[in-house]
Amino acid sequence: QAAACLFTLDDPAAATRLGRAVTLYGELGARWDLDRAAGLGRRWGLRPSPVAPARGGDDHVLSARQEQVARLAAEGLTNQEIARELFLSPKTVDKHVSAAMRKVGARSRTELARLLPAD
């Protein structure tokens, strides 16, 4: 908000203030605020440096649902079959499988099966 006020006043400190906000929002992983700040910069003709949002220490930990879906995929079930079994949409299953593969570093379902933690 401070940067928006400074932009309105044509204060040269506005860009600096916005840049600091973008950096902090990125470090905090505050995606909504980061997008809002970037939008403000675009309105004033700036392109704030993209900052990857910070991730907590659990960025490689599967959620319970991701693990459940990944284990079924590792057993050889298709997304359609998993969706029917878990009462999910195939698109939701696809998102869970993709997230699980990304988190464990798998490039295929076969590799996913190998990389899943033991029960």
N, C-alpha and C. Protein backbone atom coordinates (compact mmCIF):
# COMPACT_ATOMS: atom_id res chain seq x y z
N GLN A 1 0.83 -1.18 0.00
CA GLN A 1 0.00 0.00 0.00
C GLN A 1 0.87 1.24 0.00
N ALA A 2 1.98 1.18 0.73
CA ALA A 2 2.89 2.33 0.78
C ALA A 2 3.43 2.63 -0.62
N ALA A 3 3.80 1.59 -1.35
CA ALA A 3 4.32 1.80 -2.70
C ALA A 3 3.24 2.41 -3.59
N ALA A 4 2.01 1.97 -3.46
CA ALA A 4 0.91 2.53 -4.27
C ALA A 4 0.77 4.02 -4.00
N CYS A 5 0.83 4.41 -2.74
CA CYS A 5 0.74 5.84 -2.39
C CYS A 5 1.91 6.61 -2.96
N LEU A 6 3.10 6.04 -2.87
CA LEU A 6 4.28 6.72 -3.40
C LEU A 6 4.23 6.85 -4.92
N PHE A 7 3.70 5.83 -5.60
CA PHE A 7 3.54 5.93 -7.06
C PHE A 7 2.60 7.08 -7.40
N THR A 8 1.51 7.19 -6.66
CA THR A 8 0.53 8.26 -6.90
C THR A 8 1.19 9.63 -6.76
N LEU A 9 2.14 9.75 -5.83
CA LEU A 9 2.83 11.01 -5.60
C LEU A 9 4.06 11.19 -6.49
N ASP A 10 4.27 10.25 -7.42
CA ASP A 10 5.45 10.25 -8.29
C ASP A 10 6.75 10.28 -7.51
N ASP A 11 6.76 9.62 -6.38
CA ASP A 11 7.95 9.55 -5.54
C ASP A 11 8.87 8.46 -6.09
N PRO A 12 10.13 8.77 -6.35
CA PRO A 12 11.05 7.75 -6.89
C PRO A 12 11.30 6.59 -5.93
N ALA A 13 10.97 6.75 -4.66
CA ALA A 13 11.16 5.65 -3.70
C ALA A 13 10.12 4.55 -3.88
N ALA A 14 9.11 4.79 -4.69
CA ALA A 14 8.03 3.82 -4.87
C ALA A 14 8.55 2.49 -5.41
N ALA A 15 9.41 2.55 -6.41
CA ALA A 15 9.92 1.31 -7.02
C ALA A 15 10.75 0.52 -6.02
N THR A 16 11.54 1.21 -5.23
CA THR A 16 12.34 0.54 -4.21
C THR A 16 11.46 -0.12 -3.17
N ARG A 17 10.46 0.61 -2.73
CA ARG A 17 9.53 0.08 -1.72
C ARG A 17 8.82 -1.15 -2.27
N LEU A 18 8.36 -1.07 -3.53
CA LEU A 18 7.67 -2.21 -4.14
C LEU A 18 8.62 -3.40 -4.30
N GLY A 19 9.85 -3.13 -4.69
CA GLY A 19 10.83 -4.21 -4.84
C GLY A 19 11.07 -4.94 -3.54
N ARG A 20 11.15 -4.19 -2.44
CA ARG A 20 11.33 -4.83 -1.13
C ARG A 20 10.13 -5.68 -0.77
N ALA A 21 8.93 -5.16 -1.07
CA ALA A 21 7.71 -5.93 -0.77
C ALA A 21 7.69 -7.23 -1.56
N VAL A 22 8.03 -7.15 -2.84
CA VAL A 22 8.04 -8.35 -3.69
C VAL A 22 9.03 -9.37 -3.14
N THR A 23 10.22 -8.90 -2.76
CA THR A 23 11.22 -9.81 -2.20
C THR A 23 10.72 -10.48 -0.92
N LEU A 24 10.17 -9.70 -0.01
CA LEU A 24 9.68 -10.26 1.25
C LEU A 24 8.52 -11.22 1.04
N TYR A 25 7.59 -10.84 0.18
CA TYR A 25 6.45 -11.73 -0.09
C TYR A 25 6.94 -13.05 -0.67
N GLY A 26 7.95 -12.97 -1.55
CA GLY A 26 8.51 -14.19 -2.13
C GLY A 26 9.17 -15.07 -1.08
N GLU A 27 9.94 -14.45 -0.19
CA GLU A 27 10.61 -15.21 0.87
C GLU A 27 9.61 -15.87 1.82
N LEU A 28 8.49 -15.19 2.04
CA LEU A 28 7.48 -15.73 2.94
C LEU A 28 6.57 -16.75 2.27
N GLY A 29 6.63 -16.82 0.94
CA GLY A 29 5.72 -17.71 0.23
C GLY A 29 4.31 -17.16 0.18
N ALA A 30 4.17 -15.84 0.30
CA ALA A 30 2.86 -15.18 0.30
C ALA A 30 2.44 -14.93 -1.14
N ARG A 31 1.99 -15.97 -1.80
CA ARG A 31 1.69 -15.93 -3.23
C ARG A 31 0.65 -14.86 -3.59
N TRP A 32 -0.41 -14.77 -2.82
CA TRP A 32 -1.46 -13.80 -3.14
C TRP A 32 -0.91 -12.38 -3.09
N ASP A 33 -0.16 -12.08 -2.03
CA ASP A 33 0.43 -10.75 -1.88
C ASP A 33 1.48 -10.49 -2.95
N LEU A 34 2.25 -11.50 -3.29
CA LEU A 34 3.26 -11.37 -4.33
C LEU A 34 2.61 -11.04 -5.67
N ASP A 35 1.53 -11.73 -6.00
CA ASP A 35 0.82 -11.45 -7.25
C ASP A 35 0.23 -10.04 -7.25
N ARG A 36 -0.30 -9.62 -6.10
CA ARG A 36 -0.90 -8.29 -5.98
C ARG A 36 0.18 -7.21 -6.17
N ALA A 37 1.33 -7.40 -5.55
CA ALA A 37 2.43 -6.43 -5.67
C ALA A 37 2.95 -6.39 -7.11
N ALA A 38 3.08 -7.55 -7.73
CA ALA A 38 3.53 -7.59 -9.13
C ALA A 38 2.53 -6.88 -10.03
N GLY A 39 1.24 -7.04 -9.76
CA GLY A 39 0.21 -6.35 -10.54
C GLY A 39 0.31 -4.85 -10.38
N LEU A 40 0.59 -4.38 -9.18
CA LEU A 40 0.77 -2.95 -8.95
C LEU A 40 1.96 -2.44 -9.77
N GLY A 41 3.04 -3.19 -9.75
CA GLY A 41 4.20 -2.79 -10.54
C GLY A 41 3.90 -2.70 -12.02
N ARG A 42 3.16 -3.69 -12.53
CA ARG A 42 2.80 -3.67 -13.96
C ARG A 42 1.94 -2.45 -14.29
N ARG A 43 1.01 -2.09 -13.38
CA ARG A 43 0.17 -0.91 -13.63
C ARG A 43 1.00 0.36 -13.76
N TRP A 44 2.15 0.39 -13.08
CA TRP A 44 3.01 1.57 -13.11
C TRP A 44 4.19 1.38 -14.06
N GLY A 45 4.11 0.37 -14.92
CA GLY A 45 5.13 0.16 -15.95
C GLY A 45 6.40 -0.51 -15.48
N LEU A 46 6.35 -1.17 -14.33
CA LEU A 46 7.52 -1.88 -13.82
C LEU A 46 7.33 -3.38 -13.95
N ARG A 47 8.43 -4.06 -14.03
CA ARG A 47 8.41 -5.53 -14.02
C ARG A 47 9.22 -5.98 -12.83
N PRO A 48 8.58 -6.10 -11.66
CA PRO A 48 9.35 -6.56 -10.49
C PRO A 48 9.98 -7.91 -10.76
N SER A 49 11.20 -8.07 -10.29
CA SER A 49 11.91 -9.33 -10.49
C SER A 49 11.10 -10.47 -9.91
N PRO A 50 10.86 -11.51 -10.72
CA PRO A 50 10.11 -12.64 -10.17
C PRO A 50 10.91 -13.32 -9.08
N VAL A 51 10.23 -13.59 -8.00
CA VAL A 51 10.86 -14.26 -6.87
C VAL A 51 10.09 -15.54 -6.64
N ALA A 52 10.80 -16.65 -6.62
CA ALA A 52 10.13 -17.92 -6.35
C ALA A 52 9.68 -17.92 -4.89
N PRO A 53 8.41 -18.24 -4.65
CA PRO A 53 7.96 -18.27 -3.27
C PRO A 53 8.74 -19.28 -2.45
N ALA A 54 8.99 -18.92 -1.23
CA ALA A 54 9.68 -19.83 -0.33
C ALA A 54 8.79 -21.02 -0.03
N ARG A 55 9.40 -22.12 0.18
CA ARG A 55 8.63 -23.31 0.53
C ARG A 55 9.06 -23.74 1.92
N GLY A 56 8.12 -24.28 2.62
CA GLY A 56 8.43 -24.79 3.95
C GLY A 56 9.29 -26.03 3.83
N GLY A 57 9.61 -26.61 4.93
CA GLY A 57 10.44 -27.79 4.94
C GLY A 57 9.73 -29.03 4.43
N ASP A 58 8.45 -28.92 4.12
CA ASP A 58 7.68 -30.10 3.71
C ASP A 58 7.45 -30.15 2.21
N ASP A 59 8.29 -29.46 1.40
CA ASP A 59 8.06 -29.43 -0.04
C ASP A 59 8.33 -30.77 -0.72
N HIS A 60 8.90 -31.73 0.00
CA HIS A 60 9.11 -33.06 -0.57
C HIS A 60 8.28 -34.12 0.15
N VAL A 61 7.43 -33.68 1.05
CA VAL A 61 6.60 -34.60 1.81
C VAL A 61 5.24 -34.71 1.13
N LEU A 62 4.82 -35.92 0.87
CA LEU A 62 3.52 -36.14 0.23
C LEU A 62 2.40 -35.96 1.24
N SER A 63 1.31 -35.36 0.77
CA SER A 63 0.12 -35.31 1.62
C SER A 63 -0.44 -36.74 1.69
N ALA A 64 -1.34 -36.96 2.63
CA ALA A 64 -1.91 -38.30 2.78
C ALA A 64 -2.61 -38.73 1.49
N ARG A 65 -3.36 -37.81 0.87
CA ARG A 65 -4.07 -38.15 -0.37
C ARG A 65 -3.10 -38.38 -1.51
N GLN A 66 -2.05 -37.57 -1.62
CA GLN A 66 -1.06 -37.78 -2.67
C GLN A 66 -0.40 -39.15 -2.54
N GLU A 67 -0.08 -39.52 -1.31
CA GLU A 67 0.54 -40.82 -1.11
C GLU A 67 -0.42 -41.95 -1.45
N GLN A 68 -1.68 -41.81 -1.06
CA GLN A 68 -2.68 -42.83 -1.35
C GLN A 68 -2.82 -43.01 -2.87
N VAL A 69 -2.94 -41.90 -3.57
CA VAL A 69 -3.08 -41.96 -5.04
C VAL A 69 -1.80 -42.51 -5.66
N ALA A 70 -0.64 -42.06 -5.19
CA ALA A 70 0.63 -42.52 -5.75
C ALA A 70 0.81 -44.02 -5.57
N ARG A 71 0.41 -44.55 -4.43
CA ARG A 71 0.55 -45.99 -4.20
C ARG A 71 -0.34 -46.78 -5.16
N LEU A 72 -1.54 -46.29 -5.41
CA LEU A 72 -2.42 -46.97 -6.36
C LEU A 72 -1.84 -46.88 -7.77
N ALA A 73 -1.29 -45.72 -8.11
CA ALA A 73 -0.65 -45.57 -9.43
C ALA A 73 0.54 -46.51 -9.55
N ALA A 74 1.29 -46.63 -8.46
CA ALA A 74 2.46 -47.51 -8.46
C ALA A 74 2.07 -48.98 -8.61
N GLU A 75 0.86 -49.31 -8.17
CA GLU A 75 0.36 -50.69 -8.34
C GLU A 75 -0.09 -50.96 -9.77
N GLY A 76 -0.10 -49.92 -10.59
CA GLY A 76 -0.46 -50.09 -11.99
C GLY A 76 -1.85 -49.64 -12.37
N LEU A 77 -2.60 -49.07 -11.44
CA LEU A 77 -3.94 -48.60 -11.76
C LEU A 77 -3.85 -47.33 -12.62
N THR A 78 -4.79 -47.18 -13.53
CA THR A 78 -4.85 -45.98 -14.35
C THR A 78 -5.52 -44.86 -13.54
N ASN A 79 -5.43 -43.65 -14.04
CA ASN A 79 -6.09 -42.53 -13.36
C ASN A 79 -7.60 -42.76 -13.27
N GLN A 80 -8.17 -43.31 -14.31
CA GLN A 80 -9.61 -43.60 -14.31
C GLN A 80 -9.96 -44.60 -13.21
N GLU A 81 -9.16 -45.64 -13.10
CA GLU A 81 -9.41 -46.68 -12.08
C GLU A 81 -9.24 -46.11 -10.67
N ILE A 82 -8.20 -45.30 -10.48
CA ILE A 82 -7.99 -44.68 -9.18
C ILE A 82 -9.15 -43.75 -8.85
N ALA A 83 -9.59 -42.98 -9.82
CA ALA A 83 -10.70 -42.04 -9.61
C ALA A 83 -11.96 -42.79 -9.17
N ARG A 84 -12.25 -43.90 -9.82
CA ARG A 84 -13.43 -44.69 -9.44
C ARG A 84 -13.29 -45.25 -8.03
N GLU A 85 -12.11 -45.75 -7.71
CA GLU A 85 -11.90 -46.37 -6.41
C GLU A 85 -11.99 -45.35 -5.26
N LEU A 86 -11.47 -44.14 -5.50
CA LEU A 86 -11.41 -43.14 -4.43
C LEU A 86 -12.51 -42.08 -4.53
N PHE A 87 -13.40 -42.23 -5.49
CA PHE A 87 -14.49 -41.28 -5.70
C PHE A 87 -13.95 -39.87 -5.95
N LEU A 88 -12.98 -39.79 -6.84
CA LEU A 88 -12.39 -38.52 -7.25
C LEU A 88 -12.56 -38.37 -8.75
N SER A 89 -12.32 -37.17 -9.25
CA SER A 89 -12.33 -36.99 -10.70
C SER A 89 -10.97 -37.42 -11.24
N PRO A 90 -10.93 -37.89 -12.49
CA PRO A 90 -9.65 -38.27 -13.08
C PRO A 90 -8.66 -37.10 -13.10
N LYS A 91 -9.17 -35.89 -13.28
CA LYS A 91 -8.30 -34.71 -13.29
C LYS A 91 -7.65 -34.50 -11.92
N THR A 92 -8.41 -34.71 -10.86
CA THR A 92 -7.87 -34.59 -9.50
C THR A 92 -6.80 -35.66 -9.28
N VAL A 93 -7.07 -36.86 -9.73
CA VAL A 93 -6.09 -37.94 -9.61
C VAL A 93 -4.82 -37.55 -10.35
N ASP A 94 -4.97 -37.03 -11.56
CA ASP A 94 -3.81 -36.61 -12.35
C ASP A 94 -2.98 -35.57 -11.59
N LYS A 95 -3.65 -34.62 -10.95
CA LYS A 95 -2.92 -33.60 -10.18
C LYS A 95 -2.18 -34.22 -9.01
N HIS A 96 -2.81 -35.17 -8.32
CA HIS A 96 -2.14 -35.82 -7.20
C HIS A 96 -0.94 -36.65 -7.66
N VAL A 97 -1.10 -37.37 -8.76
CA VAL A 97 0.00 -38.18 -9.29
C VAL A 97 1.15 -37.26 -9.71
N SER A 98 0.82 -36.18 -10.40
CA SER A 98 1.86 -35.24 -10.85
C SER A 98 2.60 -34.62 -9.67
N ALA A 99 1.85 -34.21 -8.65
CA ALA A 99 2.48 -33.61 -7.47
C ALA A 99 3.37 -34.62 -6.77
N ALA A 100 2.90 -35.84 -6.64
CA ALA A 100 3.70 -36.89 -5.98
C ALA A 100 4.97 -37.16 -6.77
N MET A 101 4.86 -37.25 -8.08
CA MET A 101 6.04 -37.50 -8.90
C MET A 101 7.04 -36.36 -8.77
N ARG A 102 6.55 -35.13 -8.78
CA ARG A 102 7.43 -33.97 -8.63
C ARG A 102 8.12 -33.99 -7.27
N LYS A 103 7.36 -34.27 -6.23
CA LYS A 103 7.92 -34.24 -4.87
C LYS A 103 8.97 -35.31 -4.62
N VAL A 104 8.79 -36.48 -5.20
CA VAL A 104 9.79 -37.54 -4.98
C VAL A 104 10.84 -37.59 -6.08
N GLY A 105 10.67 -36.76 -7.12
CA GLY A 105 11.64 -36.71 -8.20
C GLY A 105 11.52 -37.83 -9.21
N ALA A 106 10.31 -38.35 -9.38
CA ALA A 106 10.09 -39.45 -10.33
C ALA A 106 9.73 -38.90 -11.71
N ARG A 107 10.19 -39.58 -12.74
CA ARG A 107 9.87 -39.18 -14.12
C ARG A 107 8.84 -40.12 -14.76
N SER A 108 8.54 -41.20 -14.08
CA SER A 108 7.56 -42.15 -14.60
C SER A 108 6.85 -42.81 -13.42
N ARG A 109 5.77 -43.50 -13.72
CA ARG A 109 5.05 -44.21 -12.66
C ARG A 109 5.89 -45.37 -12.11
N THR A 110 6.69 -45.96 -12.96
CA THR A 110 7.57 -47.03 -12.52
C THR A 110 8.58 -46.49 -11.52
N GLU A 111 9.15 -45.35 -11.85
CA GLU A 111 10.11 -44.73 -10.94
C GLU A 111 9.41 -44.27 -9.66
N LEU A 112 8.18 -43.81 -9.79
CA LEU A 112 7.40 -43.41 -8.61
C LEU A 112 7.26 -44.57 -7.65
N ALA A 113 6.96 -45.74 -8.19
CA ALA A 113 6.79 -46.94 -7.36
C ALA A 113 8.08 -47.25 -6.60
N ARG A 114 9.20 -47.07 -7.27
CA ARG A 114 10.50 -47.35 -6.66
C ARG A 114 10.87 -46.33 -5.60
N LEU A 115 10.46 -45.07 -5.80
CA LEU A 115 10.89 -43.98 -4.90
C LEU A 115 9.93 -43.73 -3.73
N LEU A 116 8.76 -44.32 -3.77
CA LEU A 116 7.83 -44.11 -2.64
C LEU A 116 8.41 -44.70 -1.37
N PRO A 117 8.24 -43.99 -0.26
CA PRO A 117 8.74 -44.54 1.00
C PRO A 117 8.00 -45.83 1.35
N ALA A 118 8.71 -46.73 2.01
CA ALA A 118 8.09 -48.00 2.41
C ALA A 118 7.00 -47.75 3.43
N ASP A 119 5.98 -48.59 3.39
CA ASP A 119 4.88 -48.47 4.35
C ASP A 119 5.34 -48.73 5.75
